[in-house]
Protein backbone atom coordinates (compact mmCIF):
# COMPACT_ATOMS: atom_id res chain seq x y z
CA UNK A 1 0.00 0.00 0.00
CA UNK A 2 1.17 3.51 -0.81
CA UNK A 3 -0.42 6.55 0.80
CA UNK A 4 -0.60 9.88 -0.97
CA UNK A 5 -1.22 12.64 1.57
CA UNK A 6 -2.92 15.70 0.10
CA UNK A 7 -3.77 18.68 2.26
CA UNK A 8 -6.66 20.38 0.51
CA UNK A 9 -7.93 22.37 3.49
CA UNK A 10 -5.09 24.50 4.86
CA UNK A 11 -5.64 25.91 8.33
CA UNK A 12 -9.28 24.76 8.44
CA UNK A 13 -10.29 27.21 5.73
CA UNK A 14 -12.28 24.99 3.37
CA UNK A 15 -13.03 26.17 -0.15
CA UNK A 16 -14.91 24.18 -2.78
CA UNK A 17 -12.17 24.92 -5.31
CA UNK A 18 -9.48 23.40 -3.08
CA UNK A 19 -11.48 20.24 -2.39
CA UNK A 20 -12.25 19.76 -6.10
CA UNK A 21 -8.64 20.35 -7.11
CA UNK A 22 -7.41 17.96 -4.40
CA UNK A 23 -9.69 15.20 -5.66
CA UNK A 24 -8.63 15.75 -9.26
CA UNK A 25 -4.95 15.84 -8.27
CA UNK A 26 -5.28 12.53 -6.43
CA UNK A 27 -7.05 10.89 -9.37
CA UNK A 28 -4.55 12.20 -11.91
CA UNK A 29 -1.64 10.95 -9.79
CA UNK A 30 -2.79 7.37 -9.42
CA UNK A 31 -5.05 7.26 -6.36
CA UNK A 32 -7.44 4.30 -6.32
CA UNK A 33 -9.20 5.25 -3.06
CA UNK A 34 -9.74 8.76 -1.72
CA UNK A 35 -10.62 9.22 1.94
CA UNK A 36 -12.19 12.56 2.79
CA UNK A 37 -13.41 14.19 5.95
CA UNK A 38 -14.61 17.61 4.94
CA UNK A 39 -17.93 19.31 4.85
CA UNK A 40 -19.67 22.49 5.73
CA UNK A 41 -23.22 23.70 5.98
CA UNK A 42 -22.95 25.93 2.91
CA UNK A 43 -20.92 25.47 -0.26
CA UNK A 44 -21.24 28.30 -2.77
CA UNK A 45 -19.73 26.18 -5.56
CA UNK A 46 -20.67 22.64 -4.57
CA UNK A 47 -20.99 21.73 -8.25
CA UNK A 48 -17.18 21.93 -8.52
CA UNK A 49 -16.87 19.24 -5.86
CA UNK A 50 -19.65 17.15 -7.43
CA UNK A 51 -17.91 17.36 -10.82
CA UNK A 52 -14.60 16.25 -9.26
CA UNK A 53 -16.34 13.31 -7.59
CA UNK A 54 -17.91 12.33 -10.91
CA UNK A 55 -14.48 12.64 -12.53
CA UNK A 56 -13.04 10.28 -9.91
CA UNK A 57 -15.86 7.80 -10.52
CA UNK A 58 -15.23 7.92 -14.27
CA UNK A 59 -11.63 6.86 -13.56
CA UNK A 60 -12.80 4.01 -11.27
CA UNK A 61 -11.61 5.74 -8.09
CA UNK A 62 -13.53 5.03 -4.88
CA UNK A 63 -14.28 7.96 -2.57
CA UNK A 64 -14.95 7.26 1.10
CA UNK A 65 -16.25 10.26 2.99
CA UNK A 66 -17.02 10.91 6.65
CA UNK A 67 -20.56 11.91 7.53
CA UNK A 68 -22.24 13.24 10.62
CA UNK A 69 -19.36 15.07 12.25
CA UNK A 70 -21.73 17.69 13.69
CA UNK A 71 -24.50 15.32 14.72
CA UNK A 72 -27.03 17.27 12.61
CA UNK A 73 -30.27 15.58 11.64
CA UNK A 74 -30.12 16.08 7.89
CA UNK A 75 -33.70 14.89 7.55
CA UNK A 76 -34.79 18.28 8.88
CA UNK A 77 -35.51 20.64 5.95
CA UNK A 78 -33.88 23.67 7.63
CA UNK A 79 -30.52 21.83 7.74
CA UNK A 80 -30.40 20.94 4.02
CA UNK A 81 -28.69 23.15 1.45
PDB file of N, CA and C in Angstrom:
ATOM      1  N   UNK A   1       0.843  -1.177   0.000  1.00  0.00           N
ATOM      2  CA  UNK A   1       0.000   0.000   0.000  1.00  0.00           C
ATOM      3  C   UNK A   1       0.886   1.236   0.000  1.00  0.00           C
ATOM      4  N   UNK A   2       0.534   2.195  -0.827  1.00  0.00           N
ATOM      5  CA  UNK A   2       1.166   3.508  -0.812  1.00  0.00           C
ATOM      6  C   UNK A   2       0.107   4.522  -0.421  1.00  0.00           C
ATOM      7  N   UNK A   3       0.500   5.486   0.377  1.00  0.00           N
ATOM      8  CA  UNK A   3      -0.420   6.547   0.803  1.00  0.00           C
ATOM      9  C   UNK A   3       0.059   7.865   0.208  1.00  0.00           C
ATOM     10  N   UNK A   4      -0.878   8.564  -0.410  1.00  0.00           N
ATOM     11  CA  UNK A   4      -0.603   9.884  -0.971  1.00  0.00           C
ATOM     12  C   UNK A   4      -1.335  10.894  -0.084  1.00  0.00           C
ATOM     13  N   UNK A   5      -0.601  11.648   0.681  1.00  0.00           N
ATOM     14  CA  UNK A   5      -1.220  12.637   1.567  1.00  0.00           C
ATOM     15  C   UNK A   5      -1.385  13.952   0.818  1.00  0.00           C
ATOM     16  N   UNK A   6      -2.626  14.429   0.765  1.00  0.00           N
ATOM     17  CA  UNK A   6      -2.916  15.697   0.104  1.00  0.00           C
ATOM     18  C   UNK A   6      -3.656  16.575   1.097  1.00  0.00           C
ATOM     19  N   UNK A   7      -3.123  17.736   1.338  1.00  0.00           N
ATOM     20  CA  UNK A   7      -3.767  18.682   2.256  1.00  0.00           C
ATOM     21  C   UNK A   7      -4.526  19.704   1.419  1.00  0.00           C
ATOM     22  N   UNK A   8      -5.829  19.508   1.336  1.00  0.00           N
ATOM     23  CA  UNK A   8      -6.662  20.379   0.508  1.00  0.00           C
ATOM     24  C   UNK A   8      -7.324  21.484   1.311  1.00  0.00           C
ATOM     25  N   UNK A   9      -7.270  21.380   2.629  1.00  0.00           N
ATOM     26  CA  UNK A   9      -7.931  22.367   3.493  1.00  0.00           C
ATOM     27  C   UNK A   9      -6.890  22.947   4.452  1.00  0.00           C
ATOM     28  N   UNK A  10      -6.108  23.923   3.985  1.00  0.00           N
ATOM     29  CA  UNK A  10      -5.087  24.495   4.864  1.00  0.00           C
ATOM     30  C   UNK A  10      -5.707  25.331   5.981  1.00  0.00           C
ATOM     31  N   UNK A  11      -5.246  25.113   7.166  1.00  0.00           N
ATOM     32  CA  UNK A  11      -5.644  25.909   8.334  1.00  0.00           C
ATOM     33  C   UNK A  11      -7.153  25.930   8.577  1.00  0.00           C
ATOM     34  N   UNK A  12      -7.847  24.853   8.187  1.00  0.00           N
ATOM     35  CA  UNK A  12      -9.275  24.757   8.440  1.00  0.00           C
ATOM     36  C   UNK A  12     -10.138  25.667   7.592  1.00  0.00           C
ATOM     37  N   UNK A  13      -9.560  26.293   6.587  1.00  0.00           N
ATOM     38  CA  UNK A  13     -10.294  27.215   5.726  1.00  0.00           C
ATOM     39  C   UNK A  13     -10.687  26.477   4.451  1.00  0.00           C
ATOM     40  N   UNK A  14     -11.868  25.890   4.444  1.00  0.00           N
ATOM     41  CA  UNK A  14     -12.278  24.990   3.368  1.00  0.00           C
ATOM     42  C   UNK A  14     -12.971  25.750   2.232  1.00  0.00           C
ATOM     43  N   UNK A  15     -12.433  25.581   1.042  1.00  0.00           N
ATOM     44  CA  UNK A  15     -13.033  26.175  -0.150  1.00  0.00           C
ATOM     45  C   UNK A  15     -13.359  25.067  -1.146  1.00  0.00           C
ATOM     46  N   UNK A  16     -14.489  25.187  -1.812  1.00  0.00           N
ATOM     47  CA  UNK A  16     -14.908  24.175  -2.778  1.00  0.00           C
ATOM     48  C   UNK A  16     -13.845  23.948  -3.841  1.00  0.00           C
ATOM     49  N   UNK A  17     -13.212  25.018  -4.288  1.00  0.00           N
ATOM     50  CA  UNK A  17     -12.171  24.915  -5.309  1.00  0.00           C
ATOM     51  C   UNK A  17     -11.034  24.007  -4.843  1.00  0.00           C
ATOM     52  N   UNK A  18     -10.596  24.184  -3.603  1.00  0.00           N
ATOM     53  CA  UNK A  18      -9.477  23.398  -3.083  1.00  0.00           C
ATOM     54  C   UNK A  18      -9.833  21.916  -2.960  1.00  0.00           C
ATOM     55  N   UNK A  19     -11.045  21.632  -2.507  1.00  0.00           N
ATOM     56  CA  UNK A  19     -11.480  20.239  -2.388  1.00  0.00           C
ATOM     57  C   UNK A  19     -11.523  19.599  -3.776  1.00  0.00           C
ATOM     58  N   UNK A  20     -12.144  20.293  -4.736  1.00  0.00           N
ATOM     59  CA  UNK A  20     -12.255  19.764  -6.097  1.00  0.00           C
ATOM     60  C   UNK A  20     -10.875  19.532  -6.713  1.00  0.00           C
ATOM     61  N   UNK A  21      -9.987  20.498  -6.554  1.00  0.00           N
ATOM     62  CA  UNK A  21      -8.642  20.351  -7.115  1.00  0.00           C
ATOM     63  C   UNK A  21      -7.866  19.230  -6.426  1.00  0.00           C
ATOM     64  N   UNK A  22      -8.064  19.054  -5.120  1.00  0.00           N
ATOM     65  CA  UNK A  22      -7.409  17.961  -4.402  1.00  0.00           C
ATOM     66  C   UNK A  22      -7.867  16.606  -4.900  1.00  0.00           C
ATOM     67  N   UNK A  23      -9.157  16.464  -5.138  1.00  0.00           N
ATOM     68  CA  UNK A  23      -9.690  15.200  -5.662  1.00  0.00           C
ATOM     69  C   UNK A  23      -9.116  14.926  -7.045  1.00  0.00           C
ATOM     70  N   UNK A  24      -9.149  15.933  -7.906  1.00  0.00           N
ATOM     71  CA  UNK A  24      -8.630  15.750  -9.262  1.00  0.00           C
ATOM     72  C   UNK A  24      -7.127  15.443  -9.262  1.00  0.00           C
ATOM     73  N   UNK A  25      -6.389  16.100  -8.375  1.00  0.00           N
ATOM     74  CA  UNK A  25      -4.948  15.839  -8.274  1.00  0.00           C
ATOM     75  C   UNK A  25      -4.701  14.381  -7.880  1.00  0.00           C
ATOM     76  N   UNK A  26      -5.437  13.914  -6.886  1.00  0.00           N
ATOM     77  CA  UNK A  26      -5.275  12.533  -6.430  1.00  0.00           C
ATOM     78  C   UNK A  26      -5.573  11.551  -7.557  1.00  0.00           C
ATOM     79  N   UNK A  27      -6.669  11.773  -8.257  1.00  0.00           N
ATOM     80  CA  UNK A  27      -7.048  10.891  -9.366  1.00  0.00           C
ATOM     81  C   UNK A  27      -5.970  10.898 -10.440  1.00  0.00           C
ATOM     82  N   UNK A  28      -5.532  12.076 -10.834  1.00  0.00           N
ATOM     83  CA  UNK A  28      -4.548  12.200 -11.913  1.00  0.00           C
ATOM     84  C   UNK A  28      -3.177  11.663 -11.535  1.00  0.00           C
ATOM     85  N   UNK A  29      -2.941  11.456 -10.246  1.00  0.00           N
ATOM     86  CA  UNK A  29      -1.640  10.953  -9.789  1.00  0.00           C
ATOM     87  C   UNK A  29      -1.714   9.535  -9.256  1.00  0.00           C
ATOM     88  N   UNK A  30      -2.755   8.805  -9.659  1.00  0.00           N
ATOM     89  CA  UNK A  30      -2.791   7.371  -9.420  1.00  0.00           C
ATOM     90  C   UNK A  30      -3.566   6.874  -8.221  1.00  0.00           C
ATOM     91  N   UNK A  31      -4.274   7.737  -7.513  1.00  0.00           N
ATOM     92  CA  UNK A  31      -5.053   7.264  -6.362  1.00  0.00           C
ATOM     93  C   UNK A  31      -6.134   6.297  -6.834  1.00  0.00           C
ATOM     94  N   UNK A  32      -6.360   5.257  -6.052  1.00  0.00           N
ATOM     95  CA  UNK A  32      -7.444   4.305  -6.319  1.00  0.00           C
ATOM     96  C   UNK A  32      -8.567   4.460  -5.303  1.00  0.00           C
ATOM     97  N   UNK A  33      -8.228   4.987  -4.119  1.00  0.00           N
ATOM     98  CA  UNK A  33      -9.200   5.254  -3.056  1.00  0.00           C
ATOM     99  C   UNK A  33      -8.878   6.623  -2.492  1.00  0.00           C
ATOM    100  N   UNK A  34      -9.911   7.444  -2.332  1.00  0.00           N
ATOM    101  CA  UNK A  34      -9.742   8.760  -1.717  1.00  0.00           C
ATOM    102  C   UNK A  34     -10.576   8.773  -0.451  1.00  0.00           C
ATOM    103  N   UNK A  35      -9.935   9.108   0.667  1.00  0.00           N
ATOM    104  CA  UNK A  35     -10.619   9.223   1.943  1.00  0.00           C
ATOM    105  C   UNK A  35     -10.753  10.706   2.264  1.00  0.00           C
ATOM    106  N   UNK A  36     -11.978  11.152   2.499  1.00  0.00           N
ATOM    107  CA  UNK A  36     -12.191  12.560   2.792  1.00  0.00           C
ATOM    108  C   UNK A  36     -12.984  12.756   4.065  1.00  0.00           C
ATOM    109  N   UNK A  37     -12.648  13.804   4.776  1.00  0.00           N
ATOM    110  CA  UNK A  37     -13.413  14.194   5.955  1.00  0.00           C
ATOM    111  C   UNK A  37     -13.526  15.711   5.913  1.00  0.00           C
ATOM    112  N   UNK A  38     -14.400  16.171   5.084  1.00  0.00           N
ATOM    113  CA  UNK A  38     -14.614  17.607   4.938  1.00  0.00           C
ATOM    114  C   UNK A  38     -16.099  17.830   4.739  1.00  0.00           C
ATOM    115  N   UNK A  39     -16.524  18.990   5.031  1.00  0.00           N
ATOM    116  CA  UNK A  39     -17.931  19.314   4.850  1.00  0.00           C
ATOM    117  C   UNK A  39     -18.263  20.584   5.597  1.00  0.00           C
ATOM    118  N   UNK A  40     -19.236  21.267   5.096  1.00  0.00           N
ATOM    119  CA  UNK A  40     -19.675  22.491   5.732  1.00  0.00           C
ATOM    120  C   UNK A  40     -21.154  22.671   5.431  1.00  0.00           C
ATOM    121  N   UNK A  41     -21.775  23.550   6.152  1.00  0.00           N
ATOM    122  CA  UNK A  41     -23.218  23.704   5.983  1.00  0.00           C
ATOM    123  C   UNK A  41     -23.589  24.452   4.713  1.00  0.00           C
ATOM    124  N   UNK A  42     -22.660  25.202   4.137  1.00  0.00           N
ATOM    125  CA  UNK A  42     -22.955  25.934   2.909  1.00  0.00           C
ATOM    126  C   UNK A  42     -21.750  25.903   1.987  1.00  0.00           C
ATOM    127  N   UNK A  43     -21.967  25.493   0.752  1.00  0.00           N
ATOM    128  CA  UNK A  43     -20.917  25.466  -0.262  1.00  0.00           C
ATOM    129  C   UNK A  43     -21.373  26.289  -1.452  1.00  0.00           C
ATOM    130  N   UNK A  44     -20.786  27.450  -1.673  1.00  0.00           N
ATOM    131  CA  UNK A  44     -21.242  28.301  -2.774  1.00  0.00           C
ATOM    132  C   UNK A  44     -21.005  27.704  -4.160  1.00  0.00           C
ATOM    133  N   UNK A  45     -20.042  26.804  -4.263  1.00  0.00           N
ATOM    134  CA  UNK A  45     -19.735  26.180  -5.565  1.00  0.00           C
ATOM    135  C   UNK A  45     -19.670  24.667  -5.435  1.00  0.00           C
ATOM    136  N   UNK A  46     -20.680  24.089  -4.806  1.00  0.00           N
ATOM    137  CA  UNK A  46     -20.668  22.643  -4.571  1.00  0.00           C
ATOM    138  C   UNK A  46     -20.615  21.843  -5.862  1.00  0.00           C
ATOM    139  N   UNK A  47     -21.042  22.445  -6.979  1.00  0.00           N
ATOM    140  CA  UNK A  47     -20.994  21.730  -8.255  1.00  0.00           C
ATOM    141  C   UNK A  47     -19.553  21.408  -8.658  1.00  0.00           C
ATOM    142  N   UNK A  48     -18.587  22.224  -8.235  1.00  0.00           N
ATOM    143  CA  UNK A  48     -17.179  21.931  -8.520  1.00  0.00           C
ATOM    144  C   UNK A  48     -16.756  20.629  -7.841  1.00  0.00           C
ATOM    145  N   UNK A  49     -17.195  20.460  -6.596  1.00  0.00           N
ATOM    146  CA  UNK A  49     -16.873  19.238  -5.855  1.00  0.00           C
ATOM    147  C   UNK A  49     -17.602  18.057  -6.475  1.00  0.00           C
ATOM    148  N   UNK A  50     -18.890  18.226  -6.797  1.00  0.00           N
ATOM    149  CA  UNK A  50     -19.654  17.146  -7.431  1.00  0.00           C
ATOM    150  C   UNK A  50     -18.997  16.721  -8.745  1.00  0.00           C
ATOM    151  N   UNK A  51     -18.567  17.679  -9.546  1.00  0.00           N
ATOM    152  CA  UNK A  51     -17.909  17.358 -10.820  1.00  0.00           C
ATOM    153  C   UNK A  51     -16.605  16.588 -10.590  1.00  0.00           C
ATOM    154  N   UNK A  52     -15.852  16.967  -9.570  1.00  0.00           N
ATOM    155  CA  UNK A  52     -14.604  16.254  -9.259  1.00  0.00           C
ATOM    156  C   UNK A  52     -14.898  14.828  -8.795  1.00  0.00           C
ATOM    157  N   UNK A  53     -15.952  14.650  -8.030  1.00  0.00           N
ATOM    158  CA  UNK A  53     -16.340  13.306  -7.589  1.00  0.00           C
ATOM    159  C   UNK A  53     -16.767  12.461  -8.786  1.00  0.00           C
ATOM    160  N   UNK A  54     -17.511  13.055  -9.702  1.00  0.00           N
ATOM    161  CA  UNK A  54     -17.909  12.329 -10.913  1.00  0.00           C
ATOM    162  C   UNK A  54     -16.689  11.988 -11.765  1.00  0.00           C
ATOM    163  N   UNK A  55     -15.720  12.894 -11.807  1.00  0.00           N
ATOM    164  CA  UNK A  55     -14.481  12.638 -12.532  1.00  0.00           C
ATOM    165  C   UNK A  55     -13.758  11.436 -11.921  1.00  0.00           C
ATOM    166  N   UNK A  56     -13.676  11.410 -10.596  1.00  0.00           N
ATOM    167  CA  UNK A  56     -13.042  10.279  -9.912  1.00  0.00           C
ATOM    168  C   UNK A  56     -13.766   8.978 -10.247  1.00  0.00           C
ATOM    169  N   UNK A  57     -15.085   8.999 -10.204  1.00  0.00           N
ATOM    170  CA  UNK A  57     -15.865   7.795 -10.518  1.00  0.00           C
ATOM    171  C   UNK A  57     -15.611   7.332 -11.956  1.00  0.00           C
ATOM    172  N   UNK A  58     -15.469   8.285 -12.868  1.00  0.00           N
ATOM    173  CA  UNK A  58     -15.229   7.923 -14.271  1.00  0.00           C
ATOM    174  C   UNK A  58     -13.874   7.250 -14.457  1.00  0.00           C
ATOM    175  N   UNK A  59     -12.967   7.470 -13.514  1.00  0.00           N
ATOM    176  CA  UNK A  59     -11.630   6.864 -13.556  1.00  0.00           C
ATOM    177  C   UNK A  59     -11.542   5.656 -12.620  1.00  0.00           C
ATOM    178  N   UNK A  60     -12.703   5.192 -12.141  1.00  0.00           N
ATOM    179  CA  UNK A  60     -12.803   4.012 -11.270  1.00  0.00           C
ATOM    180  C   UNK A  60     -12.084   4.210  -9.937  1.00  0.00           C
ATOM    181  N   UNK A  61     -12.185   5.416  -9.388  1.00  0.00           N
ATOM    182  CA  UNK A  61     -11.610   5.741  -8.087  1.00  0.00           C
ATOM    183  C   UNK A  61     -12.737   5.779  -7.060  1.00  0.00           C
ATOM    184  N   UNK A  62     -12.548   5.086  -5.959  1.00  0.00           N
ATOM    185  CA  UNK A  62     -13.535   5.031  -4.881  1.00  0.00           C
ATOM    186  C   UNK A  62     -13.299   6.197  -3.926  1.00  0.00           C
ATOM    187  N   UNK A  63     -14.375   6.898  -3.561  1.00  0.00           N
ATOM    188  CA  UNK A  63     -14.283   7.964  -2.572  1.00  0.00           C
ATOM    189  C   UNK A  63     -15.046   7.528  -1.328  1.00  0.00           C
ATOM    190  N   UNK A  64     -14.358   7.565  -0.202  1.00  0.00           N
ATOM    191  CA  UNK A  64     -14.954   7.263   1.100  1.00  0.00           C
ATOM    192  C   UNK A  64     -14.962   8.570   1.868  1.00  0.00           C
ATOM    193  N   UNK A  65     -16.131   8.947   2.360  1.00  0.00           N
ATOM    194  CA  UNK A  65     -16.251  10.257   2.990  1.00  0.00           C
ATOM    195  C   UNK A  65     -16.933  10.141   4.343  1.00  0.00           C
ATOM    196  N   UNK A  66     -16.419  10.873   5.307  1.00  0.00           N
ATOM    197  CA  UNK A  66     -17.015  10.909   6.646  1.00  0.00           C
ATOM    198  C   UNK A  66     -18.362  11.625   6.573  1.00  0.00           C
ATOM    199  N   UNK A  67     -19.241  11.258   7.469  1.00  0.00           N
ATOM    200  CA  UNK A  67     -20.556  11.912   7.530  1.00  0.00           C
ATOM    201  C   UNK A  67     -20.971  12.034   8.985  1.00  0.00           C
ATOM    202  N   UNK A  68     -21.671  13.111   9.285  1.00  0.00           N
ATOM    203  CA  UNK A  68     -22.242  13.244  10.620  1.00  0.00           C
ATOM    204  C   UNK A  68     -21.311  13.803  11.666  1.00  0.00           C
ATOM    205  N   UNK A  69     -20.295  14.525  11.272  1.00  0.00           N
ATOM    206  CA  UNK A  69     -19.362  15.074  12.250  1.00  0.00           C
ATOM    207  C   UNK A  69     -20.024  16.018  13.249  1.00  0.00           C
ATOM    208  N   UNK A  70     -21.067  16.716  12.825  1.00  0.00           N
ATOM    209  CA  UNK A  70     -21.728  17.690  13.690  1.00  0.00           C
ATOM    210  C   UNK A  70     -22.932  17.120  14.418  1.00  0.00           C
ATOM    211  N   UNK A  71     -23.333  15.911  14.077  1.00  0.00           N
ATOM    212  CA  UNK A  71     -24.501  15.318  14.717  1.00  0.00           C
ATOM    213  C   UNK A  71     -25.814  15.944  14.270  1.00  0.00           C
ATOM    214  N   UNK A  72     -25.810  16.654  13.131  1.00  0.00           N
ATOM    215  CA  UNK A  72     -27.025  17.271  12.614  1.00  0.00           C
ATOM    216  C   UNK A  72     -27.970  16.209  12.064  1.00  0.00           C
ATOM    217  N   UNK A  73     -29.255  16.431  12.235  1.00  0.00           N
ATOM    218  CA  UNK A  73     -30.270  15.578  11.640  1.00  0.00           C
ATOM    219  C   UNK A  73     -30.556  16.138  10.261  1.00  0.00           C
ATOM    220  N   UNK A  74     -29.973  15.535   9.232  1.00  0.00           N
ATOM    221  CA  UNK A  74     -30.119  16.078   7.890  1.00  0.00           C
ATOM    222  C   UNK A  74     -31.491  15.799   7.289  1.00  0.00           C
ATOM    223  N   UNK A  75     -32.335  15.082   8.012  1.00  0.00           N
ATOM    224  CA  UNK A  75     -33.702  14.888   7.552  1.00  0.00           C
ATOM    225  C   UNK A  75     -34.555  16.121   7.811  1.00  0.00           C
ATOM    226  N   UNK A  76     -34.057  17.045   8.608  1.00  0.00           N
ATOM    227  CA  UNK A  76     -34.795  18.276   8.875  1.00  0.00           C
ATOM    228  C   UNK A  76     -34.586  19.242   7.721  1.00  0.00           C
ATOM    229  N   UNK A  77     -35.660  19.774   7.128  1.00  0.00           N
ATOM    230  CA  UNK A  77     -35.510  20.638   5.949  1.00  0.00           C
ATOM    231  C   UNK A  77     -34.655  21.879   6.187  1.00  0.00           C
ATOM    232  N   UNK A  78     -34.652  22.435   7.388  1.00  0.00           N
ATOM    233  CA  UNK A  78     -33.882  23.669   7.627  1.00  0.00           C
ATOM    234  C   UNK A  78     -32.379  23.419   7.654  1.00  0.00           C
ATOM    235  N   UNK A  79     -31.944  22.162   7.722  1.00  0.00           N
ATOM    236  CA  UNK A  79     -30.517  21.831   7.744  1.00  0.00           C
ATOM    237  C   UNK A  79     -29.993  21.647   6.317  1.00  0.00           C
ATOM    238  N   UNK A  80     -30.825  21.225   5.402  1.00  0.00           N
ATOM    239  CA  UNK A  80     -30.401  20.937   4.019  1.00  0.00           C
ATOM    240  C   UNK A  80     -30.025  22.209   3.276  1.00  0.00           C
ATOM    241  N   UNK A  81     -29.086  22.046   2.350  1.00  0.00           N
ATOM    242  CA  UNK A  81     -28.695  23.154   1.455  1.00  0.00           C
ATOM    243  C   UNK A  81     -29.047  22.818   0.045  1.00  0.00           C
TER     244      UNK A  81
END
